[in-house]
Amino acid sequence: MDEEILEEKGECLQKLAESGVIKLMRFPEPVRSVDMASRATGLPPEAIVKTLVWRVDGRLVALILRGDCRVSSRKLARVLGAREAGPASRDEVREATGYPAGGVPPLCLQGVELVVVDRGVLGLEEVVAGGGDEYSLIIAKVRILLEQNRPLVLDIAECAGK
């Protein structure tokens, strides 16, 4: 992916932050995993969402789910009517989204073919999520994620205690 496209992706988040739609936070230490983000913010994993890119029957799909959950490939394949579903490679993630794995935000996802939000995210009003690189997080209202992405909302996760 060329630098111009990467720059556009960063500008998308920056514009959302400047307009007050999201809040961008930078940290001195990496926050590329739910555990790291939880330690840095003091929030429990279920208040953090992760954005994962998966390959589903050859299509790149962004999956947004709570931090205390994991994608069920069985559920995902079933609800999308797919034969195969599995994580995209790090290179595919960067190519499709413009962001590194571990920093993919739940917004500005024009490079994927489909966005799916797990139903469990709907129980949250506001979330912390990847902010475009391993040192950044965003705070966003769940309603903004739904408005901006126009995702499918499906049951695709298996969560702790569920």
C-alpha atoms as a PDB file:
ATOM      1  CA  MET A   1       0.000   0.000   0.000  1.00  0.00           C
ATOM      2  CA  ASP A   2       1.482   3.320  -0.950  1.00  0.00           C
ATOM      3  CA  GLU A   3       2.162   6.175   1.465  1.00  0.00           C
ATOM      4  CA  GLU A   4      -0.627   8.329   0.009  1.00  0.00           C
ATOM      5  CA  ILE A   5      -3.270   5.769   0.963  1.00  0.00           C
ATOM      6  CA  LEU A   6      -1.762   5.347   4.448  1.00  0.00           C
ATOM      7  CA  GLU A   7      -1.855   9.126   4.895  1.00  0.00           C
ATOM      8  CA  GLU A   8      -5.527   9.254   3.858  1.00  0.00           C
ATOM      9  CA  LYS A   9      -6.387   6.658   6.497  1.00  0.00           C
ATOM     10  CA  GLY A  10      -4.709   8.743   9.204  1.00  0.00           C
ATOM     11  CA  GLU A  11      -6.496  11.837   7.941  1.00  0.00           C
ATOM     12  CA  CYS A  12      -9.853  10.077   8.249  1.00  0.00           C
ATOM     13  CA  LEU A  13      -9.323   9.454  11.984  1.00  0.00           C
ATOM     14  CA  GLN A  14      -7.849  12.925  12.459  1.00  0.00           C
ATOM     15  CA  LYS A  15     -10.920  14.545  10.856  1.00  0.00           C
ATOM     16  CA  LEU A  16     -13.236  12.541  13.117  1.00  0.00           C
ATOM     17  CA  ALA A  17     -11.195  13.646  16.143  1.00  0.00           C
ATOM     18  CA  GLU A  18     -11.109  17.300  15.069  1.00  0.00           C
ATOM     19  CA  SER A  19     -14.883  17.297  14.573  1.00  0.00           C
ATOM     20  CA  GLY A  20     -15.389  15.831  18.072  1.00  0.00           C
ATOM     21  CA  VAL A  21     -16.847  12.546  16.805  1.00  0.00           C
ATOM     22  CA  ILE A  22     -14.066  10.546  18.496  1.00  0.00           C
ATOM     23  CA  LYS A  23     -11.302  11.250  20.976  1.00  0.00           C
ATOM     24  CA  LEU A  24      -7.747  10.179  20.035  1.00  0.00           C
ATOM     25  CA  MET A  25      -5.350   9.174  22.813  1.00  0.00           C
ATOM     26  CA  ARG A  26      -1.578   8.593  22.492  1.00  0.00           C
ATOM     27  CA  PHE A  27       0.422   6.475  24.936  1.00  0.00           C
ATOM     28  CA  PRO A  28       4.173   6.201  25.582  1.00  0.00           C
ATOM     29  CA  GLU A  29       3.930   2.387  25.670  1.00  0.00           C
ATOM     30  CA  PRO A  30       2.334   0.126  23.024  1.00  0.00           C
ATOM     31  CA  VAL A  31      -1.414  -0.544  23.343  1.00  0.00           C
ATOM     32  CA  ARG A  32      -1.713  -3.059  20.484  1.00  0.00           C
ATOM     33  CA  SER A  33      -3.622  -5.709  22.457  1.00  0.00           C
ATOM     34  CA  VAL A  34      -6.709  -5.673  24.650  1.00  0.00           C
ATOM     35  CA  ASP A  35      -4.567  -6.485  27.710  1.00  0.00           C
ATOM     36  CA  MET A  36      -2.185  -3.601  26.958  1.00  0.00           C
ATOM     37  CA  ALA A  37      -5.089  -1.194  26.348  1.00  0.00           C
ATOM     38  CA  SER A  38      -6.785  -2.336  29.554  1.00  0.00           C
ATOM     39  CA  ARG A  39      -3.630  -1.710  31.601  1.00  0.00           C
ATOM     40  CA  ALA A  40      -3.037   1.699  29.984  1.00  0.00           C
ATOM     41  CA  THR A  41      -6.613   2.943  30.478  1.00  0.00           C
ATOM     42  CA  GLY A  42      -7.640   1.098  33.641  1.00  0.00           C
ATOM     43  CA  LEU A  43     -10.749  -0.157  31.834  1.00  0.00           C
ATOM     44  CA  PRO A  44     -11.882  -3.786  31.858  1.00  0.00           C
ATOM     45  CA  PRO A  45     -11.490  -5.779  28.604  1.00  0.00           C
ATOM     46  CA  GLU A  46     -15.254  -5.774  28.008  1.00  0.00           C
ATOM     47  CA  ALA A  47     -15.159  -1.935  27.676  1.00  0.00           C
ATOM     48  CA  ILE A  48     -12.600  -2.207  24.874  1.00  0.00           C
ATOM     49  CA  VAL A  49     -13.427  -3.335  21.351  1.00  0.00           C
ATOM     50  CA  LYS A  50     -11.049  -4.938  18.915  1.00  0.00           C
ATOM     51  CA  THR A  51     -11.232  -4.733  15.159  1.00  0.00           C
ATOM     52  CA  LEU A  52      -9.994  -7.852  13.431  1.00  0.00           C
ATOM     53  CA  VAL A  53      -9.706  -8.501   9.714  1.00  0.00           C
ATOM     54  CA  TRP A  54     -10.659 -11.961   8.544  1.00  0.00           C
ATOM     55  CA  ARG A  55     -10.747 -13.623   5.156  1.00  0.00           C
ATOM     56  CA  VAL A  56     -14.219 -15.089   4.556  1.00  0.00           C
ATOM     57  CA  ASP A  57     -14.550 -17.088   1.337  1.00  0.00           C
ATOM     58  CA  GLY A  58     -11.819 -14.896  -0.158  1.00  0.00           C
ATOM     59  CA  ARG A  59     -13.337 -11.560   0.941  1.00  0.00           C
ATOM     60  CA  LEU A  60     -11.693  -9.346   3.568  1.00  0.00           C
ATOM     61  CA  VAL A  61     -14.146  -8.601   6.365  1.00  0.00           C
ATOM     62  CA  ALA A  62     -13.652  -6.339   9.407  1.00  0.00           C
ATOM     63  CA  LEU A  63     -15.019  -7.819  12.628  1.00  0.00           C
ATOM     64  CA  ILE A  64     -15.687  -5.599  15.643  1.00  0.00           C
ATOM     65  CA  LEU A  65     -16.184  -7.321  18.992  1.00  0.00           C
ATOM     66  CA  ARG A  66     -15.691  -6.793  22.712  1.00  0.00           C
ATOM     67  CA  GLY A  67     -12.204  -7.278  24.080  1.00  0.00           C
ATOM     68  CA  ASP A  68     -13.246 -10.140  26.356  1.00  0.00           C
ATOM     69  CA  CYS A  69     -14.554 -12.131  23.379  1.00  0.00           C
ATOM     70  CA  ARG A  70     -13.060 -14.113  20.528  1.00  0.00           C
ATOM     71  CA  VAL A  71     -14.377 -14.709  17.034  1.00  0.00           C
ATOM     72  CA  SER A  72     -16.109 -18.027  16.543  1.00  0.00           C
ATOM     73  CA  SER A  73     -15.120 -19.087  13.022  1.00  0.00           C
ATOM     74  CA  ARG A  74     -18.007 -21.574  13.097  1.00  0.00           C
ATOM     75  CA  LYS A  75     -20.591 -18.878  13.951  1.00  0.00           C
ATOM     76  CA  LEU A  76     -19.077 -16.419  11.479  1.00  0.00           C
ATOM     77  CA  ALA A  77     -19.116 -18.902   8.601  1.00  0.00           C
ATOM     78  CA  ARG A  78     -22.675 -19.982   9.446  1.00  0.00           C
ATOM     79  CA  VAL A  79     -24.200 -16.468   9.666  1.00  0.00           C
ATOM     80  CA  LEU A  80     -22.437 -15.327   6.475  1.00  0.00           C
ATOM     81  CA  GLY A  81     -23.162 -18.560   4.600  1.00  0.00           C
ATOM     82  CA  ALA A  82     -19.429 -19.079   4.046  1.00  0.00           C
ATOM     83  CA  ARG A  83     -17.383 -22.230   3.583  1.00  0.00           C
ATOM     84  CA  GLU A  84     -14.132 -20.798   4.980  1.00  0.00           C
ATOM     85  CA  ALA A  85     -13.370 -18.137   7.580  1.00  0.00           C
ATOM     86  CA  GLY A  86     -10.050 -17.345   9.221  1.00  0.00           C
ATOM     87  CA  PRO A  87      -7.792 -14.465  10.230  1.00  0.00           C
ATOM     88  CA  ALA A  88      -6.145 -12.419   7.472  1.00  0.00           C
ATOM     89  CA  SER A  89      -2.358 -12.179   7.462  1.00  0.00           C
ATOM     90  CA  ARG A  90      -0.650  -9.092   8.923  1.00  0.00           C
ATOM     91  CA  ASP A  91       0.191  -7.995   5.369  1.00  0.00           C
ATOM     92  CA  GLU A  92      -3.432  -8.392   4.278  1.00  0.00           C
ATOM     93  CA  VAL A  93      -4.601  -6.364   7.286  1.00  0.00           C
ATOM     94  CA  ARG A  94      -2.268  -3.475   6.453  1.00  0.00           C
ATOM     95  CA  GLU A  95      -3.047  -3.685   2.737  1.00  0.00           C
ATOM     96  CA  ALA A  96      -6.824  -3.628   3.266  1.00  0.00           C
ATOM     97  CA  THR A  97      -7.076  -1.126   6.115  1.00  0.00           C
ATOM     98  CA  GLY A  98      -3.921   0.963   5.990  1.00  0.00           C
ATOM     99  CA  TYR A  99      -3.350   0.145   9.653  1.00  0.00           C
ATOM    100  CA  PRO A 100      -1.109  -2.409  11.364  1.00  0.00           C
ATOM    101  CA  ALA A 101      -2.665  -5.431  13.070  1.00  0.00           C
ATOM    102  CA  GLY A 102      -3.186  -4.391  16.678  1.00  0.00           C
ATOM    103  CA  GLY A 103      -3.950  -0.796  15.721  1.00  0.00           C
ATOM    104  CA  VAL A 104      -6.942  -1.157  13.406  1.00  0.00           C
ATOM    105  CA  PRO A 105      -9.673   1.266  14.474  1.00  0.00           C
ATOM    106  CA  PRO A 106     -13.372   0.394  14.193  1.00  0.00           C
ATOM    107  CA  LEU A 107     -13.809   3.355  11.811  1.00  0.00           C
ATOM    108  CA  CYS A 108     -12.354   4.465   8.455  1.00  0.00           C
ATOM    109  CA  LEU A 109     -12.518   0.905   7.100  1.00  0.00           C
ATOM    110  CA  GLN A 110     -13.147   1.591   3.415  1.00  0.00           C
ATOM    111  CA  GLY A 111     -10.611  -1.045   2.307  1.00  0.00           C
ATOM    112  CA  VAL A 112     -12.630  -4.040   3.498  1.00  0.00           C
ATOM    113  CA  GLU A 113     -15.611  -5.507   1.691  1.00  0.00           C
ATOM    114  CA  LEU A 114     -17.853  -5.853   4.735  1.00  0.00           C
ATOM    115  CA  VAL A 115     -17.969  -4.753   8.374  1.00  0.00           C
ATOM    116  CA  VAL A 116     -19.589  -7.000  10.982  1.00  0.00           C
ATOM    117  CA  VAL A 117     -20.259  -5.886  14.547  1.00  0.00           C
ATOM    118  CA  ASP A 118     -20.897  -8.583  17.134  1.00  0.00           C
ATOM    119  CA  ARG A 119     -24.215  -8.162  18.980  1.00  0.00           C
ATOM    120  CA  GLY A 120     -22.344  -7.972  22.296  1.00  0.00           C
ATOM    121  CA  VAL A 121     -20.985  -4.537  21.341  1.00  0.00           C
ATOM    122  CA  LEU A 122     -24.534  -3.144  21.270  1.00  0.00           C
ATOM    123  CA  GLY A 123     -24.711  -3.435  25.075  1.00  0.00           C
ATOM    124  CA  LEU A 124     -22.047  -0.730  25.371  1.00  0.00           C
ATOM    125  CA  GLU A 125     -22.621   2.997  25.008  1.00  0.00           C
ATOM    126  CA  GLU A 126     -19.012   4.072  24.521  1.00  0.00           C
ATOM    127  CA  VAL A 127     -15.881   2.059  23.767  1.00  0.00           C
ATOM    128  CA  VAL A 128     -12.121   2.324  23.612  1.00  0.00           C
ATOM    129  CA  ALA A 129     -10.554   0.848  20.487  1.00  0.00           C
ATOM    130  CA  GLY A 130      -7.450   0.794  18.295  1.00  0.00           C
ATOM    131  CA  GLY A 131      -6.405   4.233  17.140  1.00  0.00           C
ATOM    132  CA  GLY A 132      -4.498   3.559  13.935  1.00  0.00           C
ATOM    133  CA  ASP A 133      -1.114   2.535  15.326  1.00  0.00           C
ATOM    134  CA  GLU A 134       0.310   0.589  18.260  1.00  0.00           C
ATOM    135  CA  TYR A 135       0.552   3.687  20.499  1.00  0.00           C
ATOM    136  CA  SER A 136      -2.935   5.104  19.927  1.00  0.00           C
ATOM    137  CA  LEU A 137      -6.483   4.397  21.047  1.00  0.00           C
ATOM    138  CA  ILE A 138      -9.767   6.108  20.335  1.00  0.00           C
ATOM    139  CA  ILE A 139     -12.879   6.654  22.412  1.00  0.00           C
ATOM    140  CA  ALA A 140     -16.102   6.469  20.403  1.00  0.00           C
ATOM    141  CA  LYS A 141     -19.815   6.056  20.976  1.00  0.00           C
ATOM    142  CA  VAL A 142     -21.130   2.729  19.682  1.00  0.00           C
ATOM    143  CA  ARG A 143     -23.805   4.634  17.767  1.00  0.00           C
ATOM    144  CA  ILE A 144     -20.987   6.337  15.791  1.00  0.00           C
ATOM    145  CA  LEU A 145     -19.501   2.926  14.879  1.00  0.00           C
ATOM    146  CA  LEU A 146     -22.913   1.873  13.584  1.00  0.00           C
ATOM    147  CA  GLU A 147     -23.572   5.131  11.695  1.00  0.00           C
ATOM    148  CA  GLN A 148     -20.125   5.306  10.091  1.00  0.00           C
ATOM    149  CA  ASN A 149     -19.761   1.621   9.134  1.00  0.00           C
ATOM    150  CA  ARG A 150     -23.347   0.584   8.351  1.00  0.00           C
ATOM    151  CA  PRO A 151     -22.343  -2.920   9.450  1.00  0.00           C
ATOM    152  CA  LEU A 152     -24.126  -6.203   9.678  1.00  0.00           C
ATOM    153  CA  VAL A 153     -24.868  -6.832  13.366  1.00  0.00           C
ATOM    154  CA  LEU A 154     -24.531 -10.562  14.006  1.00  0.00           C
ATOM    155  CA  ASP A 155     -23.721 -13.069  16.729  1.00  0.00           C
ATOM    156  CA  ILE A 156     -20.127 -14.011  15.834  1.00  0.00           C
ATOM    157  CA  ALA A 157     -18.316 -14.138  19.176  1.00  0.00           C
ATOM    158  CA  GLU A 158     -17.710 -16.403  22.115  1.00  0.00           C
ATOM    159  CA  CYS A 159     -17.220 -14.391  25.288  1.00  0.00           C
ATOM    160  CA  ALA A 160     -15.924 -15.084  28.773  1.00  0.00           C
ATOM    161  CA  GLY A 161     -18.793 -16.239  30.964  1.00  0.00           C
ATOM    162  CA  LYS A 162     -21.156 -16.645  28.019  1.00  0.00           C
END
